[in-house]
Amino acid sequence: MQTVREEKMGRFPMQLKDKRPYVALYKGKRAELWATSLLDAKEQAITELKVPKSKTGLLAVMLADVVHDPGSL
């Protein structure tokens, strides 16, 4: 089963072999990331979405290849 990211890229890149897809949400912005851990994904999201240090508590990061209950968001 291919993810949306894999379909966009055409094939699975070798450097992403050990990484998993994550989705980051902050103030209506969304970023799709590939990271080895949740901490790595959160650090990438902070830089990509330009989240100030005082607002990192408002950042949500979750695995993209797992089905989540919308009520928990």
PDB file of N, CA and C in Angstrom:
ATOM      1  N   MET A   1       0.836  -1.172   0.000  1.00  0.00           N
ATOM      2  CA  MET A   1       0.000   0.000   0.000  1.00  0.00           C
ATOM      3  C   MET A   1       0.887   1.243   0.000  1.00  0.00           C
ATOM      4  N   GLN A   2       0.684   2.131  -0.963  1.00  0.00           N
ATOM      5  CA  GLN A   2       1.467   3.355  -1.044  1.00  0.00           C
ATOM      6  C   GLN A   2       0.763   4.488  -0.321  1.00  0.00           C
ATOM      7  N   THR A   3       1.547   5.340   0.297  1.00  0.00           N
ATOM      8  CA  THR A   3       0.985   6.526   0.927  1.00  0.00           C
ATOM      9  C   THR A   3       0.872   7.628  -0.114  1.00  0.00           C
ATOM     10  N   VAL A   4       0.202   8.693   0.233  1.00  0.00           N
ATOM     11  CA  VAL A   4       0.030   9.824  -0.676  1.00  0.00           C
ATOM     12  C   VAL A   4       1.394  10.403  -1.039  1.00  0.00           C
ATOM     13  N   ARG A   5       2.279  10.475  -0.065  1.00  0.00           N
ATOM     14  CA  ARG A   5       3.617  11.030  -0.298  1.00  0.00           C
ATOM     15  C   ARG A   5       4.382  10.178  -1.318  1.00  0.00           C
ATOM     16  N   GLU A   6       4.290   8.847  -1.208  1.00  0.00           N
ATOM     17  CA  GLU A   6       4.976   7.959  -2.141  1.00  0.00           C
ATOM     18  C   GLU A   6       4.426   8.117  -3.552  1.00  0.00           C
ATOM     19  N   GLU A   7       3.102   8.299  -3.669  1.00  0.00           N
ATOM     20  CA  GLU A   7       2.505   8.474  -4.986  1.00  0.00           C
ATOM     21  C   GLU A   7       2.994   9.760  -5.631  1.00  0.00           C
ATOM     22  N   LYS A   8       3.154  10.824  -4.836  1.00  0.00           N
ATOM     23  CA  LYS A   8       3.654  12.085  -5.371  1.00  0.00           C
ATOM     24  C   LYS A   8       5.102  11.946  -5.831  1.00  0.00           C
ATOM     25  N   MET A   9       5.892  11.191  -5.081  1.00  0.00           N
ATOM     26  CA  MET A   9       7.306  11.054  -5.390  1.00  0.00           C
ATOM     27  C   MET A   9       7.554  10.012  -6.481  1.00  0.00           C
ATOM     28  N   GLY A  10       6.596   9.161  -6.735  1.00  0.00           N
ATOM     29  CA  GLY A  10       6.747   8.169  -7.783  1.00  0.00           C
ATOM     30  C   GLY A  10       7.255   6.836  -7.289  1.00  0.00           C
ATOM     31  N   ARG A  11       8.196   6.846  -6.367  1.00  0.00           N
ATOM     32  CA  ARG A  11       8.716   5.608  -5.790  1.00  0.00           C
ATOM     33  C   ARG A  11       9.258   5.926  -4.407  1.00  0.00           C
ATOM     34  N   PHE A  12       9.525   4.899  -3.642  1.00  0.00           N
ATOM     35  CA  PHE A  12       9.997   5.085  -2.268  1.00  0.00           C
ATOM     36  C   PHE A  12      11.488   5.403  -2.283  1.00  0.00           C
ATOM     37  N   PRO A  13      11.896   6.603  -1.843  1.00  0.00           N
ATOM     38  CA  PRO A  13      13.310   6.973  -1.850  1.00  0.00           C
ATOM     39  C   PRO A  13      14.126   6.154  -0.853  1.00  0.00           C
ATOM     40  N   MET A  14      15.334   5.824  -1.197  1.00  0.00           N
ATOM     41  CA  MET A  14      16.180   4.984  -0.350  1.00  0.00           C
ATOM     42  C   MET A  14      16.526   5.669   0.975  1.00  0.00           C
ATOM     43  N   GLN A  15      16.745   6.978   0.983  1.00  0.00           N
ATOM     44  CA  GLN A  15      17.124   7.645   2.222  1.00  0.00           C
ATOM     45  C   GLN A  15      15.979   7.698   3.222  1.00  0.00           C
ATOM     46  N   LEU A  16      14.748   7.444   2.795  1.00  0.00           N
ATOM     47  CA  LEU A  16      13.592   7.458   3.692  1.00  0.00           C
ATOM     48  C   LEU A  16      13.237   6.064   4.194  1.00  0.00           C
ATOM     49  N   LYS A  17      14.099   5.101   3.958  1.00  0.00           N
ATOM     50  CA  LYS A  17      13.806   3.713   4.294  1.00  0.00           C
ATOM     51  C   LYS A  17      13.508   3.511   5.786  1.00  0.00           C
ATOM     52  N   ASP A  18      14.262   4.173   6.655  1.00  0.00           N
ATOM     53  CA  ASP A  18      14.079   3.996   8.095  1.00  0.00           C
ATOM     54  C   ASP A  18      13.154   5.048   8.709  1.00  0.00           C
ATOM     55  N   LYS A  19      12.621   5.926   7.905  1.00  0.00           N
ATOM     56  CA  LYS A  19      11.789   7.008   8.421  1.00  0.00           C
ATOM     57  C   LYS A  19      10.312   6.706   8.228  1.00  0.00           C
ATOM     58  N   ARG A  20       9.478   7.359   9.039  1.00  0.00           N
ATOM     59  CA  ARG A  20       8.027   7.197   8.947  1.00  0.00           C
ATOM     60  C   ARG A  20       7.389   8.542   8.661  1.00  0.00           C
ATOM     61  N   PRO A  21       6.213   8.544   8.038  1.00  0.00           N
ATOM     62  CA  PRO A  21       5.553   9.819   7.730  1.00  0.00           C
ATOM     63  C   PRO A  21       4.833  10.394   8.948  1.00  0.00           C
ATOM     64  N   TYR A  22       4.955  11.687   9.127  1.00  0.00           N
ATOM     65  CA  TYR A  22       4.291  12.412  10.204  1.00  0.00           C
ATOM     66  C   TYR A  22       3.547  13.596   9.615  1.00  0.00           C
ATOM     67  N   VAL A  23       2.506  14.027  10.302  1.00  0.00           N
ATOM     68  CA  VAL A  23       1.758  15.229   9.930  1.00  0.00           C
ATOM     69  C   VAL A  23       1.830  16.177  11.120  1.00  0.00           C
ATOM     70  N   ALA A  24       2.169  17.432  10.837  1.00  0.00           N
ATOM     71  CA  ALA A  24       2.246  18.452  11.886  1.00  0.00           C
ATOM     72  C   ALA A  24       1.203  19.516  11.608  1.00  0.00           C
ATOM     73  N   LEU A  25       0.518  19.959  12.665  1.00  0.00           N
ATOM     74  CA  LEU A  25      -0.519  20.978  12.561  1.00  0.00           C
ATOM     75  C   LEU A  25      -0.214  22.115  13.525  1.00  0.00           C
ATOM     76  N   TYR A  26      -0.337  23.366  13.015  1.00  0.00           N
ATOM     77  CA  TYR A  26      -0.119  24.539  13.854  1.00  0.00           C
ATOM     78  C   TYR A  26      -0.879  25.714  13.255  1.00  0.00           C
ATOM     79  N   LYS A  27      -1.847  26.239  13.986  1.00  0.00           N
ATOM     80  CA  LYS A  27      -2.636  27.410  13.577  1.00  0.00           C
ATOM     81  C   LYS A  27      -3.170  27.304  12.149  1.00  0.00           C
ATOM     82  N   GLY A  28      -3.758  26.189  11.806  1.00  0.00           N
ATOM     83  CA  GLY A  28      -4.349  26.011  10.485  1.00  0.00           C
ATOM     84  C   GLY A  28      -3.354  25.635   9.401  1.00  0.00           C
ATOM     85  N   LYS A  29      -2.060  25.622   9.713  1.00  0.00           N
ATOM     86  CA  LYS A  29      -1.044  25.202   8.749  1.00  0.00           C
ATOM     87  C   LYS A  29      -0.782  23.713   8.929  1.00  0.00           C
ATOM     88  N   ARG A  30      -0.390  23.067   7.851  1.00  0.00           N
ATOM     89  CA  ARG A  30      -0.140  21.628   7.871  1.00  0.00           C
ATOM     90  C   ARG A  30       1.174  21.332   7.161  1.00  0.00           C
ATOM     91  N   ALA A  31       1.972  20.453   7.737  1.00  0.00           N
ATOM     92  CA  ALA A  31       3.233  20.046   7.123  1.00  0.00           C
ATOM     93  C   ALA A  31       3.322  18.530   7.160  1.00  0.00           C
ATOM     94  N   GLU A  32       3.747  17.946   6.057  1.00  0.00           N
ATOM     95  CA  GLU A  32       3.970  16.506   5.989  1.00  0.00           C
ATOM     96  C   GLU A  32       5.469  16.274   6.050  1.00  0.00           C
ATOM     97  N   LEU A  33       5.898  15.441   7.006  1.00  0.00           N
ATOM     98  CA  LEU A  33       7.311  15.230   7.282  1.00  0.00           C
ATOM     99  C   LEU A  33       7.663  13.762   7.280  1.00  0.00           C
ATOM    100  N   TRP A  34       8.930  13.452   7.086  1.00  0.00           N
ATOM    101  CA  TRP A  34       9.465  12.105   7.247  1.00  0.00           C
ATOM    102  C   TRP A  34      10.514  12.192   8.338  1.00  0.00           C
ATOM    103  N   ALA A  35      10.363  11.367   9.387  1.00  0.00           N
ATOM    104  CA  ALA A  35      11.285  11.428  10.522  1.00  0.00           C
ATOM    105  C   ALA A  35      11.466  10.040  11.133  1.00  0.00           C
ATOM    106  N   THR A  36      12.552   9.891  11.877  1.00  0.00           N
ATOM    107  CA  THR A  36      12.829   8.608  12.527  1.00  0.00           C
ATOM    108  C   THR A  36      12.110   8.470  13.862  1.00  0.00           C
ATOM    109  N   SER A  37      11.746   9.603  14.483  1.00  0.00           N
ATOM    110  CA  SER A  37      11.062   9.559  15.780  1.00  0.00           C
ATOM    111  C   SER A  37      10.125  10.759  15.900  1.00  0.00           C
ATOM    112  N   LEU A  38       9.297  10.727  16.927  1.00  0.00           N
ATOM    113  CA  LEU A  38       8.374  11.834  17.174  1.00  0.00           C
ATOM    114  C   LEU A  38       9.139  13.110  17.509  1.00  0.00           C
ATOM    115  N   LEU A  39      10.212  12.983  18.273  1.00  0.00           N
ATOM    116  CA  LEU A  39      11.020  14.146  18.622  1.00  0.00           C
ATOM    117  C   LEU A  39      11.645  14.771  17.372  1.00  0.00           C
ATOM    118  N   ASP A  40      12.162  13.936  16.496  1.00  0.00           N
ATOM    119  CA  ASP A  40      12.740  14.420  15.239  1.00  0.00           C
ATOM    120  C   ASP A  40      11.669  15.115  14.388  1.00  0.00           C
ATOM    121  N   ALA A  41      10.485  14.538  14.328  1.00  0.00           N
ATOM    122  CA  ALA A  41       9.387  15.136  13.565  1.00  0.00           C
ATOM    123  C   ALA A  41       8.967  16.474  14.150  1.00  0.00           C
ATOM    124  N   LYS A  42       8.933  16.563  15.481  1.00  0.00           N
ATOM    125  CA  LYS A  42       8.544  17.812  16.127  1.00  0.00           C
ATOM    126  C   LYS A  42       9.579  18.907  15.858  1.00  0.00           C
ATOM    127  N   GLU A  43      10.854  18.572  15.910  1.00  0.00           N
ATOM    128  CA  GLU A  43      11.909  19.550  15.623  1.00  0.00           C
ATOM    129  C   GLU A  43      11.831  20.035  14.177  1.00  0.00           C
ATOM    130  N   GLN A  44      11.581  19.115  13.241  1.00  0.00           N
ATOM    131  CA  GLN A  44      11.435  19.494  11.832  1.00  0.00           C
ATOM    132  C   GLN A  44      10.220  20.397  11.642  1.00  0.00           C
ATOM    133  N   ALA A  45       9.117  20.075  12.325  1.00  0.00           N
ATOM    134  CA  ALA A  45       7.889  20.861  12.201  1.00  0.00           C
ATOM    135  C   ALA A  45       8.078  22.269  12.745  1.00  0.00           C
ATOM    136  N   ILE A  46       8.805  22.405  13.833  1.00  0.00           N
ATOM    137  CA  ILE A  46       9.056  23.722  14.419  1.00  0.00           C
ATOM    138  C   ILE A  46       9.795  24.611  13.426  1.00  0.00           C
ATOM    139  N   THR A  47      10.781  24.054  12.745  1.00  0.00           N
ATOM    140  CA  THR A  47      11.531  24.863  11.777  1.00  0.00           C
ATOM    141  C   THR A  47      10.725  25.109  10.508  1.00  0.00           C
ATOM    142  N   GLU A  48      10.005  24.100  10.019  1.00  0.00           N
ATOM    143  CA  GLU A  48       9.256  24.254   8.769  1.00  0.00           C
ATOM    144  C   GLU A  48       8.052  25.183   8.909  1.00  0.00           C
ATOM    145  N   LEU A  49       7.332  25.078  10.029  1.00  0.00           N
ATOM    146  CA  LEU A  49       6.146  25.908  10.238  1.00  0.00           C
ATOM    147  C   LEU A  49       6.471  27.220  10.952  1.00  0.00           C
ATOM    148  N   LYS A  50       7.742  27.423  11.290  1.00  0.00           N
ATOM    149  CA  LYS A  50       8.205  28.650  11.950  1.00  0.00           C
ATOM    150  C   LYS A  50       7.430  28.924  13.245  1.00  0.00           C
ATOM    151  N   VAL A  51       7.398  27.914  14.109  1.00  0.00           N
ATOM    152  CA  VAL A  51       6.701  28.012  15.387  1.00  0.00           C
ATOM    153  C   VAL A  51       7.625  28.685  16.402  1.00  0.00           C
ATOM    154  N   PRO A  52       7.180  29.774  17.041  1.00  0.00           N
ATOM    155  CA  PRO A  52       8.009  30.397  18.076  1.00  0.00           C
ATOM    156  C   PRO A  52       8.161  29.474  19.279  1.00  0.00           C
ATOM    157  N   LYS A  53       9.256  29.634  19.996  1.00  0.00           N
ATOM    158  CA  LYS A  53       9.538  28.771  21.136  1.00  0.00           C
ATOM    159  C   LYS A  53       8.427  28.832  22.188  1.00  0.00           C
ATOM    160  N   SER A  54       7.806  29.989  22.340  1.00  0.00           N
ATOM    161  CA  SER A  54       6.748  30.136  23.345  1.00  0.00           C
ATOM    162  C   SER A  54       5.437  29.470  22.926  1.00  0.00           C
ATOM    163  N   LYS A  55       5.304  29.096  21.650  1.00  0.00           N
ATOM    164  CA  LYS A  55       4.064  28.508  21.146  1.00  0.00           C
ATOM    165  C   LYS A  55       4.208  27.029  20.773  1.00  0.00           C
ATOM    166  N   THR A  56       5.292  26.373  21.154  1.00  0.00           N
ATOM    167  CA  THR A  56       5.486  24.970  20.783  1.00  0.00           C
ATOM    168  C   THR A  56       4.437  24.051  21.398  1.00  0.00           C
ATOM    169  N   GLY A  57       3.779  24.478  22.457  1.00  0.00           N
ATOM    170  CA  GLY A  57       2.704  23.686  23.062  1.00  0.00           C
ATOM    171  C   GLY A  57       1.464  23.608  22.186  1.00  0.00           C
ATOM    172  N   LEU A  58       1.332  24.508  21.222  1.00  0.00           N
ATOM    173  CA  LEU A  58       0.189  24.513  20.308  1.00  0.00           C
ATOM    174  C   LEU A  58       0.430  23.657  19.064  1.00  0.00           C
ATOM    175  N   LEU A  59       1.619  23.086  18.950  1.00  0.00           N
ATOM    176  CA  LEU A  59       1.978  22.260  17.803  1.00  0.00           C
ATOM    177  C   LEU A  59       1.518  20.820  18.027  1.00  0.00           C
ATOM    178  N   ALA A  60       0.825  20.250  17.038  1.00  0.00           N
ATOM    179  CA  ALA A  60       0.388  18.852  17.105  1.00  0.00           C
ATOM    180  C   ALA A  60       1.141  18.065  16.043  1.00  0.00           C
ATOM    181  N   VAL A  61       1.764  16.964  16.444  1.00  0.00           N
ATOM    182  CA  VAL A  61       2.491  16.095  15.516  1.00  0.00           C
ATOM    183  C   VAL A  61       1.990  14.681  15.726  1.00  0.00           C
ATOM    184  N   MET A  62       1.628  14.002  14.619  1.00  0.00           N
ATOM    185  CA  MET A  62       1.127  12.630  14.724  1.00  0.00           C
ATOM    186  C   MET A  62       1.560  11.810  13.519  1.00  0.00           C
ATOM    187  N   LEU A  63       1.556  10.512  13.683  1.00  0.00           N
ATOM    188  CA  LEU A  63       1.904   9.623  12.584  1.00  0.00           C
ATOM    189  C   LEU A  63       0.858   9.722  11.479  1.00  0.00           C
ATOM    190  N   ALA A  64       1.314   9.744  10.236  1.00  0.00           N
ATOM    191  CA  ALA A  64       0.390   9.867   9.114  1.00  0.00           C
ATOM    192  C   ALA A  64      -0.080   8.509   8.608  1.00  0.00           C
ATOM    193  N   ASP A  65       0.642   7.430   8.925  1.00  0.00           N
ATOM    194  CA  ASP A  65       0.259   6.120   8.415  1.00  0.00           C
ATOM    195  C   ASP A  65      -0.615   5.333   9.392  1.00  0.00           C
ATOM    196  N   VAL A  66      -1.169   6.017  10.402  1.00  0.00           N
ATOM    197  CA  VAL A  66      -2.047   5.395  11.392  1.00  0.00           C
ATOM    198  C   VAL A  66      -3.386   6.121  11.343  1.00  0.00           C
ATOM    199  N   VAL A  67      -4.488   5.396  11.448  1.00  0.00           N
ATOM    200  CA  VAL A  67      -5.811   6.012  11.455  1.00  0.00           C
ATOM    201  C   VAL A  67      -6.063   6.606  12.825  1.00  0.00           C
ATOM    202  N   HIS A  68      -6.420   7.899  12.860  1.00  0.00           N
ATOM    203  CA  HIS A  68      -6.684   8.601  14.113  1.00  0.00           C
ATOM    204  C   HIS A  68      -8.157   8.949  14.213  1.00  0.00           C
ATOM    205  N   ASP A  69      -8.660   8.973  15.437  1.00  0.00           N
ATOM    206  CA  ASP A  69     -10.043   9.382  15.690  1.00  0.00           C
ATOM    207  C   ASP A  69     -10.123  10.906  15.625  1.00  0.00           C
ATOM    208  N   PRO A  70     -10.973  11.487  14.760  1.00  0.00           N
ATOM    209  CA  PRO A  70     -11.067  12.941  14.650  1.00  0.00           C
ATOM    210  C   PRO A  70     -11.488  13.618  15.959  1.00  0.00           C
ATOM    211  N   GLY A  71     -12.166  12.914  16.816  1.00  0.00           N
ATOM    212  CA  GLY A  71     -12.581  13.489  18.086  1.00  0.00           C
ATOM    213  C   GLY A  71     -11.429  13.739  19.028  1.00  0.00           C
ATOM    214  N   SER A  72     -10.319  13.018  18.826  1.00  0.00           N
ATOM    215  CA  SER A  72      -9.175  13.195  19.702  1.00  0.00           C
ATOM    216  C   SER A  72      -8.338  14.409  19.319  1.00  0.00           C
ATOM    217  N   LEU A  73      -8.613  15.011  18.173  1.00  0.00           N
ATOM    218  CA  LEU A  73      -7.846  16.175  17.759  1.00  0.00           C
ATOM    219  C   LEU A  73      -8.482  17.392  18.363  1.00  0.00           C
TER     220      LEU A  73
END
